[in-house]
């Protein structure tokens, strides 16, 4: 998965800041659980991550410098949202279709 430079900046920042990463891991897990749908959770996280980027741009030097050079035009954070959902959230068991009992093969 390819992240844009804004998303990559956040992801790299989390790699070096354990407390921030842990906060977001719990937040992502909570949002996915509340939404019960990865697509809806990713859409919600897209907005959350942009607000976080704007907030960090006021206090963290690497974000401040980027904002000064690149500006603060709204950028999608959906790829980052989808990536961290894959990395940080336990996959849900697939729903079984009727007739998919264990050990039964279709047509037998």
PDB file of N, CA and C in Angstrom:
ATOM      1  N   UNK A   1       0.847  -1.181   0.000  1.00  0.00           N
ATOM      2  CA  UNK A   1       0.000   0.000   0.000  1.00  0.00           C
ATOM      3  C   UNK A   1       0.884   1.232   0.000  1.00  0.00           C
ATOM      4  N   UNK A   2       0.509   2.180  -0.795  1.00  0.00           N
ATOM      5  CA  UNK A   2       1.280   3.407  -0.934  1.00  0.00           C
ATOM      6  C   UNK A   2       0.621   4.530  -0.134  1.00  0.00           C
ATOM      7  N   UNK A   3       1.410   5.189   0.698  1.00  0.00           N
ATOM      8  CA  UNK A   3       0.920   6.317   1.488  1.00  0.00           C
ATOM      9  C   UNK A   3       1.386   7.613   0.837  1.00  0.00           C
ATOM     10  N   UNK A   4       0.537   8.646   0.904  1.00  0.00           N
ATOM     11  CA  UNK A   4       0.992   9.951   0.440  1.00  0.00           C
ATOM     12  C   UNK A   4       1.955  10.526   1.485  1.00  0.00           C
ATOM     13  N   UNK A   5       2.602  11.615   1.174  1.00  0.00           N
ATOM     14  CA  UNK A   5       3.642  12.133   2.074  1.00  0.00           C
ATOM     15  C   UNK A   5       3.083  12.575   3.426  1.00  0.00           C
ATOM     16  N   UNK A   6       1.845  13.019   3.467  1.00  0.00           N
ATOM     17  CA  UNK A   6       1.224  13.418   4.737  1.00  0.00           C
ATOM     18  C   UNK A   6       0.988  12.186   5.611  1.00  0.00           C
ATOM     19  N   UNK A   7       0.436  11.147   4.995  1.00  0.00           N
ATOM     20  CA  UNK A   7       0.193   9.889   5.714  1.00  0.00           C
ATOM     21  C   UNK A   7       1.503   9.275   6.188  1.00  0.00           C
ATOM     22  N   UNK A   8       2.502   9.273   5.311  1.00  0.00           N
ATOM     23  CA  UNK A   8       3.796   8.689   5.663  1.00  0.00           C
ATOM     24  C   UNK A   8       4.430   9.432   6.828  1.00  0.00           C
ATOM     25  N   UNK A   9       4.264  10.749   6.861  1.00  0.00           N
ATOM     26  CA  UNK A   9       4.822  11.560   7.944  1.00  0.00           C
ATOM     27  C   UNK A   9       4.207  11.142   9.288  1.00  0.00           C
ATOM     28  N   UNK A  10       2.903  10.934   9.304  1.00  0.00           N
ATOM     29  CA  UNK A  10       2.245  10.486  10.537  1.00  0.00           C
ATOM     30  C   UNK A  10       2.747   9.102  10.924  1.00  0.00           C
ATOM     31  N   UNK A  11       2.757   8.181   9.957  1.00  0.00           N
ATOM     32  CA  UNK A  11       3.174   6.807  10.241  1.00  0.00           C
ATOM     33  C   UNK A  11       4.606   6.789  10.786  1.00  0.00           C
ATOM     34  N   UNK A  12       5.512   7.527  10.169  1.00  0.00           N
ATOM     35  CA  UNK A  12       6.899   7.595  10.636  1.00  0.00           C
ATOM     36  C   UNK A  12       6.977   8.208  12.037  1.00  0.00           C
ATOM     37  N   UNK A  13       6.176   9.228  12.277  1.00  0.00           N
ATOM     38  CA  UNK A  13       6.148   9.867  13.599  1.00  0.00           C
ATOM     39  C   UNK A  13       5.728   8.855  14.667  1.00  0.00           C
ATOM     40  N   UNK A  14       4.705   8.070  14.360  1.00  0.00           N
ATOM     41  CA  UNK A  14       4.259   7.052  15.325  1.00  0.00           C
ATOM     42  C   UNK A  14       5.338   6.019  15.596  1.00  0.00           C
ATOM     43  N   UNK A  15       6.143   5.687  14.598  1.00  0.00           N
ATOM     44  CA  UNK A  15       7.199   4.694  14.797  1.00  0.00           C
ATOM     45  C   UNK A  15       8.216   5.175  15.831  1.00  0.00           C
ATOM     46  N   UNK A  16       8.427   6.461  15.908  1.00  0.00           N
ATOM     47  CA  UNK A  16       9.385   7.018  16.854  1.00  0.00           C
ATOM     48  C   UNK A  16       8.789   7.512  18.156  1.00  0.00           C
ATOM     49  N   UNK A  17       7.467   7.458  18.284  1.00  0.00           N
ATOM     50  CA  UNK A  17       6.791   7.964  19.482  1.00  0.00           C
ATOM     51  C   UNK A  17       5.785   6.923  19.984  1.00  0.00           C
ATOM     52  N   UNK A  18       6.294   6.038  20.818  1.00  0.00           N
ATOM     53  CA  UNK A  18       5.508   4.883  21.282  1.00  0.00           C
ATOM     54  C   UNK A  18       4.191   5.277  21.938  1.00  0.00           C
ATOM     55  N   UNK A  19       4.201   6.299  22.779  1.00  0.00           N
ATOM     56  CA  UNK A  19       2.964   6.703  23.468  1.00  0.00           C
ATOM     57  C   UNK A  19       1.896   7.153  22.475  1.00  0.00           C
ATOM     58  N   UNK A  20       2.310   7.916  21.486  1.00  0.00           N
ATOM     59  CA  UNK A  20       1.363   8.359  20.454  1.00  0.00           C
ATOM     60  C   UNK A  20       0.818   7.152  19.689  1.00  0.00           C
ATOM     61  N   UNK A  21       1.734   6.251  19.303  1.00  0.00           N
ATOM     62  CA  UNK A  21       1.317   5.057  18.562  1.00  0.00           C
ATOM     63  C   UNK A  21       0.336   4.226  19.385  1.00  0.00           C
ATOM     64  N   UNK A  22       0.612   4.006  20.652  1.00  0.00           N
ATOM     65  CA  UNK A  22      -0.281   3.217  21.497  1.00  0.00           C
ATOM     66  C   UNK A  22      -1.644   3.890  21.643  1.00  0.00           C
ATOM     67  N   UNK A  23      -1.636   5.205  21.790  1.00  0.00           N
ATOM     68  CA  UNK A  23      -2.902   5.928  21.862  1.00  0.00           C
ATOM     69  C   UNK A  23      -3.733   5.659  20.610  1.00  0.00           C
ATOM     70  N   UNK A  24      -3.090   5.793  19.436  1.00  0.00           N
ATOM     71  CA  UNK A  24      -3.812   5.611  18.177  1.00  0.00           C
ATOM     72  C   UNK A  24      -4.186   4.160  17.927  1.00  0.00           C
ATOM     73  N   UNK A  25      -3.384   3.227  18.379  1.00  0.00           N
ATOM     74  CA  UNK A  25      -3.758   1.818  18.233  1.00  0.00           C
ATOM     75  C   UNK A  25      -5.070   1.544  18.966  1.00  0.00           C
ATOM     76  N   UNK A  26      -5.164   2.024  20.189  1.00  0.00           N
ATOM     77  CA  UNK A  26      -6.393   1.820  20.967  1.00  0.00           C
ATOM     78  C   UNK A  26      -7.572   2.560  20.338  1.00  0.00           C
ATOM     79  N   UNK A  27      -7.320   3.768  19.878  1.00  0.00           N
ATOM     80  CA  UNK A  27      -8.390   4.552  19.251  1.00  0.00           C
ATOM     81  C   UNK A  27      -8.886   3.864  17.975  1.00  0.00           C
ATOM     82  N   UNK A  28      -7.970   3.387  17.142  1.00  0.00           N
ATOM     83  CA  UNK A  28      -8.350   2.691  15.911  1.00  0.00           C
ATOM     84  C   UNK A  28      -9.165   1.448  16.243  1.00  0.00           C
ATOM     85  N   UNK A  29      -8.702   0.663  17.198  1.00  0.00           N
ATOM     86  CA  UNK A  29      -9.439  -0.552  17.583  1.00  0.00           C
ATOM     87  C   UNK A  29     -10.835  -0.210  18.082  1.00  0.00           C
ATOM     88  N   UNK A  30     -10.942   0.850  18.861  1.00  0.00           N
ATOM     89  CA  UNK A  30     -12.250   1.263  19.372  1.00  0.00           C
ATOM     90  C   UNK A  30     -13.187   1.720  18.263  1.00  0.00           C
ATOM     91  N   UNK A  31     -12.672   2.458  17.313  1.00  0.00           N
ATOM     92  CA  UNK A  31     -13.499   2.934  16.200  1.00  0.00           C
ATOM     93  C   UNK A  31     -13.952   1.765  15.334  1.00  0.00           C
ATOM     94  N   UNK A  32     -13.051   0.836  15.046  1.00  0.00           N
ATOM     95  CA  UNK A  32     -13.419  -0.332  14.235  1.00  0.00           C
ATOM     96  C   UNK A  32     -14.492  -1.146  14.952  1.00  0.00           C
ATOM     97  N   UNK A  33     -14.335  -1.309  16.248  1.00  0.00           N
ATOM     98  CA  UNK A  33     -15.324  -2.070  17.024  1.00  0.00           C
ATOM     99  C   UNK A  33     -16.676  -1.351  17.023  1.00  0.00           C
ATOM    100  N   UNK A  34     -16.656  -0.040  17.206  1.00  0.00           N
ATOM    101  CA  UNK A  34     -17.900   0.736  17.248  1.00  0.00           C
ATOM    102  C   UNK A  34     -18.604   0.753  15.897  1.00  0.00           C
ATOM    103  N   UNK A  35     -17.843   0.885  14.836  1.00  0.00           N
ATOM    104  CA  UNK A  35     -18.426   0.959  13.492  1.00  0.00           C
ATOM    105  C   UNK A  35     -18.850  -0.418  12.994  1.00  0.00           C
ATOM    106  N   UNK A  36     -18.120  -1.458  13.419  1.00  0.00           N
ATOM    107  CA  UNK A  36     -18.382  -2.833  12.995  1.00  0.00           C
ATOM    108  C   UNK A  36     -18.348  -2.986  11.470  1.00  0.00           C
ATOM    109  N   UNK A  37     -17.609  -2.104  10.810  1.00  0.00           N
ATOM    110  CA  UNK A  37     -17.462  -2.132   9.356  1.00  0.00           C
ATOM    111  C   UNK A  37     -16.166  -1.403   9.031  1.00  0.00           C
ATOM    112  N   UNK A  38     -15.221  -2.111   8.430  1.00  0.00           N
ATOM    113  CA  UNK A  38     -13.909  -1.515   8.167  1.00  0.00           C
ATOM    114  C   UNK A  38     -13.972  -0.306   7.242  1.00  0.00           C
ATOM    115  N   UNK A  39     -14.883  -0.323   6.277  1.00  0.00           N
ATOM    116  CA  UNK A  39     -14.991   0.814   5.352  1.00  0.00           C
ATOM    117  C   UNK A  39     -15.488   2.063   6.080  1.00  0.00           C
ATOM    118  N   UNK A  40     -16.484   1.892   6.933  1.00  0.00           N
ATOM    119  CA  UNK A  40     -16.998   3.022   7.707  1.00  0.00           C
ATOM    120  C   UNK A  40     -15.935   3.516   8.694  1.00  0.00           C
ATOM    121  N   UNK A  41     -15.212   2.579   9.299  1.00  0.00           N
ATOM    122  CA  UNK A  41     -14.154   2.953  10.240  1.00  0.00           C
ATOM    123  C   UNK A  41     -13.050   3.728   9.518  1.00  0.00           C
ATOM    124  N   UNK A  42     -12.672   3.287   8.322  1.00  0.00           N
ATOM    125  CA  UNK A  42     -11.625   3.981   7.557  1.00  0.00           C
ATOM    126  C   UNK A  42     -12.071   5.394   7.199  1.00  0.00           C
ATOM    127  N   UNK A  43     -13.330   5.559   6.847  1.00  0.00           N
ATOM    128  CA  UNK A  43     -13.845   6.889   6.515  1.00  0.00           C
ATOM    129  C   UNK A  43     -13.799   7.802   7.742  1.00  0.00           C
ATOM    130  N   UNK A  44     -14.153   7.261   8.886  1.00  0.00           N
ATOM    131  CA  UNK A  44     -14.119   8.049  10.121  1.00  0.00           C
ATOM    132  C   UNK A  44     -12.677   8.396  10.501  1.00  0.00           C
ATOM    133  N   UNK A  45     -11.785   7.416  10.373  1.00  0.00           N
ATOM    134  CA  UNK A  45     -10.384   7.645  10.709  1.00  0.00           C
ATOM    135  C   UNK A  45      -9.732   8.648   9.767  1.00  0.00           C
ATOM    136  N   UNK A  46     -10.155   8.671   8.524  1.00  0.00           N
ATOM    137  CA  UNK A  46      -9.642   9.646   7.560  1.00  0.00           C
ATOM    138  C   UNK A  46      -9.765  11.058   8.139  1.00  0.00           C
ATOM    139  N   UNK A  47     -10.925  11.389   8.657  1.00  0.00           N
ATOM    140  CA  UNK A  47     -11.136  12.703   9.267  1.00  0.00           C
ATOM    141  C   UNK A  47     -10.352  12.891  10.553  1.00  0.00           C
ATOM    142  N   UNK A  48     -10.324  11.852  11.378  1.00  0.00           N
ATOM    143  CA  UNK A  48      -9.585  11.918  12.650  1.00  0.00           C
ATOM    144  C   UNK A  48      -8.099  12.153  12.395  1.00  0.00           C
ATOM    145  N   UNK A  49      -7.550  11.433  11.418  1.00  0.00           N
ATOM    146  CA  UNK A  49      -6.133  11.578  11.127  1.00  0.00           C
ATOM    147  C   UNK A  49      -5.820  12.959  10.561  1.00  0.00           C
ATOM    148  N   UNK A  50      -6.705  13.523   9.749  1.00  0.00           N
ATOM    149  CA  UNK A  50      -6.434  14.868   9.226  1.00  0.00           C
ATOM    150  C   UNK A  50      -6.442  15.895  10.358  1.00  0.00           C
ATOM    151  N   UNK A  51      -7.403  15.789  11.259  1.00  0.00           N
ATOM    152  CA  UNK A  51      -7.443  16.712  12.404  1.00  0.00           C
ATOM    153  C   UNK A  51      -6.166  16.574  13.244  1.00  0.00           C
ATOM    154  N   UNK A  52      -5.716  15.345  13.413  1.00  0.00           N
ATOM    155  CA  UNK A  52      -4.473  15.084  14.148  1.00  0.00           C
ATOM    156  C   UNK A  52      -3.285  15.727  13.428  1.00  0.00           C
ATOM    157  N   UNK A  53      -3.235  15.608  12.115  1.00  0.00           N
ATOM    158  CA  UNK A  53      -2.148  16.203  11.331  1.00  0.00           C
ATOM    159  C   UNK A  53      -2.132  17.722  11.523  1.00  0.00           C
ATOM    160  N   UNK A  54      -3.280  18.326  11.461  1.00  0.00           N
ATOM    161  CA  UNK A  54      -3.373  19.783  11.648  1.00  0.00           C
ATOM    162  C   UNK A  54      -2.895  20.158  13.047  1.00  0.00           C
ATOM    163  N   UNK A  55      -3.318  19.411  14.054  1.00  0.00           N
ATOM    164  CA  UNK A  55      -2.918  19.689  15.432  1.00  0.00           C
ATOM    165  C   UNK A  55      -1.406  19.544  15.598  1.00  0.00           C
ATOM    166  N   UNK A  56      -0.824  18.468  15.078  1.00  0.00           N
ATOM    167  CA  UNK A  56       0.617  18.229  15.177  1.00  0.00           C
ATOM    168  C   UNK A  56       1.406  19.309  14.434  1.00  0.00           C
ATOM    169  N   UNK A  57       0.813  19.863  13.380  1.00  0.00           N
ATOM    170  CA  UNK A  57       1.486  20.904  12.594  1.00  0.00           C
ATOM    171  C   UNK A  57       1.703  22.184  13.382  1.00  0.00           C
ATOM    172  N   UNK A  58       0.996  22.321  14.475  1.00  0.00           N
ATOM    173  CA  UNK A  58       1.187  23.497  15.318  1.00  0.00           C
ATOM    174  C   UNK A  58       2.241  23.322  16.380  1.00  0.00           C
ATOM    175  N   UNK A  59       2.693  22.068  16.624  1.00  0.00           N
ATOM    176  CA  UNK A  59       3.598  21.844  17.752  1.00  0.00           C
ATOM    177  C   UNK A  59       4.821  20.983  17.460  1.00  0.00           C
ATOM    178  N   UNK A  60       4.779  20.135  16.460  1.00  0.00           N
ATOM    179  CA  UNK A  60       5.895  19.217  16.181  1.00  0.00           C
ATOM    180  C   UNK A  60       6.717  19.766  15.013  1.00  0.00           C
ATOM    181  N   UNK A  61       8.009  19.969  15.221  1.00  0.00           N
ATOM    182  CA  UNK A  61       8.837  20.601  14.194  1.00  0.00           C
ATOM    183  C   UNK A  61       8.740  19.978  12.798  1.00  0.00           C
ATOM    184  N   UNK A  62       8.775  18.663  12.678  1.00  0.00           N
ATOM    185  CA  UNK A  62       8.731  18.057  11.345  1.00  0.00           C
ATOM    186  C   UNK A  62       7.406  18.363  10.634  1.00  0.00           C
ATOM    187  N   UNK A  63       6.327  18.413  11.385  1.00  0.00           N
ATOM    188  CA  UNK A  63       5.020  18.748  10.815  1.00  0.00           C
ATOM    189  C   UNK A  63       4.935  20.245  10.514  1.00  0.00           C
ATOM    190  N   UNK A  64       5.462  21.070  11.420  1.00  0.00           N
ATOM    191  CA  UNK A  64       5.463  22.526  11.218  1.00  0.00           C
ATOM    192  C   UNK A  64       6.193  22.895   9.943  1.00  0.00           C
ATOM    193  N   UNK A  65       7.376  22.315   9.779  1.00  0.00           N
ATOM    194  CA  UNK A  65       8.199  22.606   8.607  1.00  0.00           C
ATOM    195  C   UNK A  65       7.482  22.174   7.326  1.00  0.00           C
ATOM    196  N   UNK A  66       6.887  20.996   7.350  1.00  0.00           N
ATOM    197  CA  UNK A  66       6.154  20.516   6.175  1.00  0.00           C
ATOM    198  C   UNK A  66       4.986  21.434   5.859  1.00  0.00           C
ATOM    199  N   UNK A  67       4.275  21.863   6.882  1.00  0.00           N
ATOM    200  CA  UNK A  67       3.128  22.755   6.666  1.00  0.00           C
ATOM    201  C   UNK A  67       3.587  24.080   6.057  1.00  0.00           C
ATOM    202  N   UNK A  68       4.717  24.556   6.487  1.00  0.00           N
ATOM    203  CA  UNK A  68       5.254  25.809   5.957  1.00  0.00           C
ATOM    204  C   UNK A  68       5.584  25.673   4.469  1.00  0.00           C
ATOM    205  N   UNK A  69       6.137  24.524   4.075  1.00  0.00           N
ATOM    206  CA  UNK A  69       6.533  24.307   2.677  1.00  0.00           C
ATOM    207  C   UNK A  69       5.393  23.819   1.791  1.00  0.00           C
ATOM    208  N   UNK A  70       4.530  22.943   2.336  1.00  0.00           N
ATOM    209  CA  UNK A  70       3.497  22.281   1.531  1.00  0.00           C
ATOM    210  C   UNK A  70       2.115  22.890   1.691  1.00  0.00           C
ATOM    211  N   UNK A  71       1.936  23.668   2.728  1.00  0.00           N
ATOM    212  CA  UNK A  71       0.613  24.192   3.015  1.00  0.00           C
ATOM    213  C   UNK A  71      -0.222  23.176   3.779  1.00  0.00           C
ATOM    214  N   UNK A  72      -1.461  23.554   4.019  1.00  0.00           N
ATOM    215  CA  UNK A  72      -2.337  22.695   4.828  1.00  0.00           C
ATOM    216  C   UNK A  72      -3.640  22.384   4.098  1.00  0.00           C
ATOM    217  N   UNK A  73      -3.566  22.224   2.795  1.00  0.00           N
ATOM    218  CA  UNK A  73      -4.758  21.857   2.051  1.00  0.00           C
ATOM    219  C   UNK A  73      -5.141  20.429   2.416  1.00  0.00           C
ATOM    220  N   UNK A  74      -6.412  20.205   2.664  1.00  0.00           N
ATOM    221  CA  UNK A  74      -6.920  18.899   3.103  1.00  0.00           C
ATOM    222  C   UNK A  74      -6.469  17.793   2.165  1.00  0.00           C
ATOM    223  N   UNK A  75      -5.905  16.758   2.747  1.00  0.00           N
ATOM    224  CA  UNK A  75      -5.397  15.622   1.996  1.00  0.00           C
ATOM    225  C   UNK A  75      -6.010  14.346   2.566  1.00  0.00           C
ATOM    226  N   UNK A  76      -6.292  13.399   1.707  1.00  0.00           N
ATOM    227  CA  UNK A  76      -6.875  12.131   2.145  1.00  0.00           C
ATOM    228  C   UNK A  76      -5.923  11.368   3.053  1.00  0.00           C
ATOM    229  N   UNK A  77      -6.487  10.778   4.069  1.00  0.00           N
ATOM    230  CA  UNK A  77      -5.741   9.913   4.983  1.00  0.00           C
ATOM    231  C   UNK A  77      -6.322   8.494   4.956  1.00  0.00           C
ATOM    232  N   UNK A  78      -7.074   8.206   3.904  1.00  0.00           N
ATOM    233  CA  UNK A  78      -7.763   6.915   3.826  1.00  0.00           C
ATOM    234  C   UNK A  78      -6.795   5.737   3.708  1.00  0.00           C
ATOM    235  N   UNK A  79      -5.722   5.879   2.940  1.00  0.00           N
ATOM    236  CA  UNK A  79      -4.762   4.776   2.836  1.00  0.00           C
ATOM    237  C   UNK A  79      -4.123   4.465   4.181  1.00  0.00           C
ATOM    238  N   UNK A  80      -3.801   5.508   4.942  1.00  0.00           N
ATOM    239  CA  UNK A  80      -3.247   5.306   6.279  1.00  0.00           C
ATOM    240  C   UNK A  80      -4.266   4.603   7.167  1.00  0.00           C
ATOM    241  N   UNK A  81      -5.511   5.018   7.074  1.00  0.00           N
ATOM    242  CA  UNK A  81      -6.565   4.388   7.874  1.00  0.00           C
ATOM    243  C   UNK A  81      -6.686   2.907   7.540  1.00  0.00           C
ATOM    244  N   UNK A  82      -6.705   2.591   6.258  1.00  0.00           N
ATOM    245  CA  UNK A  82      -6.830   1.184   5.852  1.00  0.00           C
ATOM    246  C   UNK A  82      -5.608   0.375   6.286  1.00  0.00           C
ATOM    247  N   UNK A  83      -4.424   0.977   6.200  1.00  0.00           N
ATOM    248  CA  UNK A  83      -3.208   0.281   6.607  1.00  0.00           C
ATOM    249  C   UNK A  83      -3.219  -0.047   8.093  1.00  0.00           C
ATOM    250  N   UNK A  84      -3.519   0.945   8.932  1.00  0.00           N
ATOM    251  CA  UNK A  84      -3.462   0.676  10.376  1.00  0.00           C
ATOM    252  C   UNK A  84      -4.585  -0.254  10.820  1.00  0.00           C
ATOM    253  N   UNK A  85      -5.694  -0.250  10.135  1.00  0.00           N
ATOM    254  CA  UNK A  85      -6.742  -1.224  10.459  1.00  0.00           C
ATOM    255  C   UNK A  85      -6.192  -2.630  10.211  1.00  0.00           C
ATOM    256  N   UNK A  86      -5.514  -2.815   9.092  1.00  0.00           N
ATOM    257  CA  UNK A  86      -4.916  -4.131   8.792  1.00  0.00           C
ATOM    258  C   UNK A  86      -3.836  -4.513   9.792  1.00  0.00           C
ATOM    259  N   UNK A  87      -3.023  -3.534  10.188  1.00  0.00           N
ATOM    260  CA  UNK A  87      -1.902  -3.826  11.079  1.00  0.00           C
ATOM    261  C   UNK A  87      -2.312  -3.996  12.541  1.00  0.00           C
ATOM    262  N   UNK A  88      -3.280  -3.211  12.990  1.00  0.00           N
ATOM    263  CA  UNK A  88      -3.557  -3.122  14.417  1.00  0.00           C
ATOM    264  C   UNK A  88      -4.831  -3.802  14.888  1.00  0.00           C
ATOM    265  N   UNK A  89      -5.674  -4.229  13.982  1.00  0.00           N
ATOM    266  CA  UNK A  89      -6.968  -4.804  14.385  1.00  0.00           C
ATOM    267  C   UNK A  89      -6.995  -6.286  14.024  1.00  0.00           C
ATOM    268  N   UNK A  90      -7.369  -7.106  14.987  1.00  0.00           N
ATOM    269  CA  UNK A  90      -7.520  -8.541  14.729  1.00  0.00           C
ATOM    270  C   UNK A  90      -8.567  -8.746  13.645  1.00  0.00           C
ATOM    271  N   UNK A  91      -8.257  -9.586  12.660  1.00  0.00           N
ATOM    272  CA  UNK A  91      -9.273  -9.848  11.630  1.00  0.00           C
ATOM    273  C   UNK A  91     -10.496 -10.522  12.247  1.00  0.00           C
ATOM    274  N   UNK A  92     -11.651 -10.142  11.757  1.00  0.00           N
ATOM    275  CA  UNK A  92     -12.885 -10.766  12.238  1.00  0.00           C
ATOM    276  C   UNK A  92     -13.049 -12.112  11.541  1.00  0.00           C
ATOM    277  N   UNK A  93     -13.594 -13.083  12.256  1.00  0.00           N
ATOM    278  CA  UNK A  93     -13.847 -14.366  11.581  1.00  0.00           C
ATOM    279  C   UNK A  93     -14.862 -14.177  10.464  1.00  0.00           C
ATOM    280  N   UNK A  94     -14.642 -14.864   9.365  1.00  0.00           N
ATOM    281  CA  UNK A  94     -15.570 -14.762   8.246  1.00  0.00           C
ATOM    282  C   UNK A  94     -16.885 -15.410   8.629  1.00  0.00           C
ATOM    283  N   UNK A  95     -17.974 -14.794   8.188  1.00  0.00           N
ATOM    284  CA  UNK A  95     -19.295 -15.345   8.462  1.00  0.00           C
ATOM    285  C   UNK A  95     -19.499 -16.578   7.604  1.00  0.00           C
ATOM    286  N   UNK A  96     -20.019 -17.608   8.228  1.00  0.00           N
ATOM    287  CA  UNK A  96     -20.281 -18.846   7.494  1.00  0.00           C
ATOM    288  C   UNK A  96     -21.610 -18.738   6.774  1.00  0.00           C
ATOM    289  N   UNK A  97     -21.633 -19.294   5.588  1.00  0.00           N
ATOM    290  CA  UNK A  97     -22.873 -19.327   4.820  1.00  0.00           C
ATOM    291  C   UNK A  97     -23.693 -20.524   5.298  1.00  0.00           C
ATOM    292  N   UNK A  98     -25.010 -20.454   5.172  1.00  0.00           N
ATOM    293  CA  UNK A  98     -25.823 -21.609   5.563  1.00  0.00           C
ATOM    294  C   UNK A  98     -25.382 -22.841   4.778  1.00  0.00           C
ATOM    295  N   UNK A  99     -25.236 -23.970   5.477  1.00  0.00           N
ATOM    296  CA  UNK A  99     -24.836 -25.202   4.822  1.00  0.00           C
ATOM    297  C   UNK A  99     -23.330 -25.398   4.779  1.00  0.00           C
ATOM    298  N   UNK A 100     -22.559 -24.441   5.316  1.00  0.00           N
ATOM    299  CA  UNK A 100     -21.111 -24.579   5.349  1.00  0.00           C
ATOM    300  C   UNK A 100     -20.656 -25.206   6.664  1.00  0.00           C
ATOM    301  N   UNK A 101     -21.265 -26.283   7.043  1.00  0.00           N
ATOM    302  CA  UNK A 101     -20.895 -26.956   8.283  1.00  0.00           C
ATOM    303  C   UNK A 101     -19.487 -27.518   8.143  1.00  0.00           C
ATOM    304  N   UNK A 102     -18.767 -27.584   9.257  1.00  0.00           N
ATOM    305  CA  UNK A 102     -17.387 -28.087   9.225  1.00  0.00           C
ATOM    306  C   UNK A 102     -17.351 -29.496   8.680  1.00  0.00           C
ATOM    307  N   UNK A 103     -16.440 -29.724   7.773  1.00  0.00           N
ATOM    308  CA  UNK A 103     -16.250 -31.058   7.236  1.00  0.00           C
ATOM    309  C   UNK A 103     -17.197 -31.418   6.095  1.00  0.00           C
ATOM    310  N   UNK A 104     -18.109 -30.563   5.769  1.00  0.00           N
ATOM    311  CA  UNK A 104     -19.044 -30.892   4.685  1.00  0.00           C
ATOM    312  C   UNK A 104     -18.571 -30.220   3.412  1.00  0.00           C
ATOM    313  N   UNK A 105     -18.444 -30.966   2.374  1.00  0.00           N
ATOM    314  CA  UNK A 105     -18.058 -30.426   1.091  1.00  0.00           C
ATOM    315  C   UNK A 105     -19.286 -30.286   0.232  1.00  0.00           C
ATOM    316  N   UNK A 106     -19.373 -29.204  -0.517  1.00  0.00           N
ATOM    317  CA  UNK A 106     -20.546 -29.017  -1.390  1.00  0.00           C
ATOM    318  C   UNK A 106     -20.649 -30.161  -2.389  1.00  0.00           C
ATOM    319  N   UNK A 107     -21.837 -30.632  -2.583  1.00  0.00           N
ATOM    320  CA  UNK A 107     -22.091 -31.671  -3.574  1.00  0.00           C
ATOM    321  C   UNK A 107     -21.884 -33.085  -3.072  1.00  0.00           C
ATOM    322  N   UNK A 108     -21.544 -33.220  -1.798  1.00  0.00           N
ATOM    323  CA  UNK A 108     -21.324 -34.570  -1.246  1.00  0.00           C
ATOM    324  C   UNK A 108     -22.339 -34.886  -0.177  1.00  0.00           C
TER     325      UNK A 108
END
